[in-house]
Amino acid sequence: MRTIDYSQYYWQDDKVRLRAFEEEDWESCYTGGFDSPARILLECAVELPPTIAGAKRFIDQNVAFSSTNGRIMFTIENLEGQTIGGINLNSIDERNGTERSVSA
């Protein structure tokens, strides 16, 4: 694959870059499930233990902005390409230009 020139890329700043979920992101989704305090904060509930199958299913449902549940999800990576988190824009109301966001 050709090297990408990110110098004019809208979805980044001097520290991080946003990109669509990719199939390979299941592993960071899975390992993130073990951060119980963050998961409780995000979901306002204690979740069942994470599973590899559940992480892969979640990524499959949201890969390449394919979600049909009214949200857009991004992977946040540093400029070296390492995943450092994610952001979820939900309750999107394009008519009024509003949304809610949650990041981990």
Protein backbone atom coordinates (compact mmCIF):
# COMPACT_ATOMS: atom_id res chain seq x y z
CA MET A 1 0.00 0.00 0.00
CA ARG A 2 1.16 3.50 -0.77
CA THR A 3 2.32 5.73 2.09
CA ILE A 4 -0.42 8.14 3.12
CA ASP A 5 0.32 11.86 3.42
CA TYR A 6 -1.59 12.95 6.52
CA SER A 7 -0.33 16.55 6.48
CA GLN A 8 -3.69 17.89 5.22
CA TYR A 9 -5.93 15.27 6.87
CA TYR A 10 -8.96 16.84 8.54
CA TRP A 11 -9.45 14.13 11.20
CA GLN A 12 -6.21 14.70 13.13
CA ASP A 13 -4.34 17.29 15.12
CA ASP A 14 -0.77 17.43 16.40
CA LYS A 15 -1.28 14.44 18.75
CA VAL A 16 -4.06 12.09 17.57
CA ARG A 17 -5.84 10.87 14.45
CA LEU A 18 -9.40 9.52 14.07
CA ARG A 19 -10.22 6.68 11.71
CA ALA A 20 -12.98 4.17 11.05
CA PHE A 21 -13.00 0.88 12.95
CA GLU A 22 -11.22 -1.90 11.11
CA GLU A 23 -11.66 -5.64 11.59
CA GLU A 24 -8.28 -5.82 13.35
CA ASP A 25 -9.58 -3.53 16.12
CA TRP A 26 -11.40 -6.40 17.87
CA GLU A 27 -8.36 -7.03 20.09
CA SER A 28 -8.25 -3.52 21.58
CA CYS A 29 -12.03 -3.69 22.02
CA TYR A 30 -11.62 -7.00 23.88
CA THR A 31 -8.77 -5.85 26.12
CA GLY A 32 -10.59 -2.57 26.85
CA GLY A 33 -13.43 -4.61 28.31
CA PHE A 34 -11.20 -5.46 31.28
CA ASP A 35 -11.05 -1.82 32.42
CA SER A 36 -14.04 -2.15 34.76
CA PRO A 37 -14.04 1.45 36.10
CA ALA A 38 -14.08 2.85 32.54
CA ARG A 39 -16.77 0.40 31.42
CA ILE A 40 -18.95 1.26 34.42
CA LEU A 41 -18.53 4.97 33.64
CA LEU A 42 -19.39 4.45 29.95
CA GLU A 43 -22.29 2.02 30.40
CA CYS A 44 -23.54 3.05 33.88
CA ALA A 45 -23.66 -0.67 34.70
CA VAL A 46 -21.46 -3.63 35.48
CA GLU A 47 -21.08 -5.71 32.32
CA LEU A 48 -20.53 -9.42 31.94
CA PRO A 49 -16.91 -10.49 31.42
CA PRO A 50 -15.66 -9.62 27.91
CA THR A 51 -15.41 -12.31 25.25
CA ILE A 52 -13.44 -12.46 22.04
CA ALA A 53 -16.62 -13.35 20.13
CA GLY A 54 -18.42 -10.34 21.62
CA ALA A 55 -15.57 -7.98 20.72
CA LYS A 56 -15.48 -9.30 17.14
CA ARG A 57 -19.27 -8.98 16.86
CA PHE A 58 -19.14 -5.37 18.12
CA ILE A 59 -16.45 -4.45 15.59
CA ASP A 60 -18.34 -6.22 12.78
CA GLN A 61 -21.43 -4.14 13.61
CA ASN A 62 -19.49 -0.87 13.50
CA VAL A 63 -16.68 -1.40 10.98
CA ALA A 64 -16.22 1.31 8.34
CA PHE A 65 -19.07 3.43 9.79
CA SER A 66 -21.57 0.67 8.93
CA SER A 67 -23.63 1.12 12.10
CA THR A 68 -27.37 1.33 11.61
CA ASN A 69 -28.11 2.25 15.21
CA GLY A 70 -27.74 6.03 14.90
CA ARG A 71 -24.13 6.33 15.92
CA ILE A 72 -20.72 6.79 14.36
CA MET A 73 -17.68 5.31 16.04
CA PHE A 74 -14.02 6.18 15.50
CA THR A 75 -10.76 4.62 16.62
CA ILE A 76 -8.38 7.17 18.15
CA GLU A 77 -4.74 6.51 17.41
CA ASN A 78 -1.54 8.43 18.04
CA LEU A 79 0.43 9.69 15.06
CA GLU A 80 2.55 6.52 15.14
CA GLY A 81 -0.60 4.49 14.39
CA GLN A 82 -1.05 2.93 17.86
CA THR A 83 -4.65 2.67 19.07
CA ILE A 84 -5.17 4.71 22.23
CA GLY A 85 -8.97 4.76 22.48
CA GLY A 86 -12.21 5.34 20.71
CA ILE A 87 -15.03 7.82 20.44
CA ASN A 88 -18.71 7.17 19.94
CA LEU A 89 -21.00 9.86 18.51
CA ASN A 90 -24.62 8.91 19.16
CA SER A 91 -28.08 10.44 19.21
CA ILE A 92 -27.10 12.26 16.04
CA ASP A 93 -29.62 14.85 14.92
CA GLU A 94 -28.36 16.21 11.59
CA ARG A 95 -31.26 18.62 11.26
CA ASN A 96 -30.29 20.44 14.47
CA GLY A 97 -26.57 19.71 14.28
CA THR A 98 -26.35 17.93 17.62
CA GLU A 99 -24.98 14.66 18.97
CA ARG A 100 -23.79 13.11 22.19
CA SER A 101 -20.28 11.72 22.42
CA VAL A 102 -18.60 9.21 24.68
CA SER A 103 -14.93 8.34 24.52
CA ALA A 104 -12.77 5.69 26.13
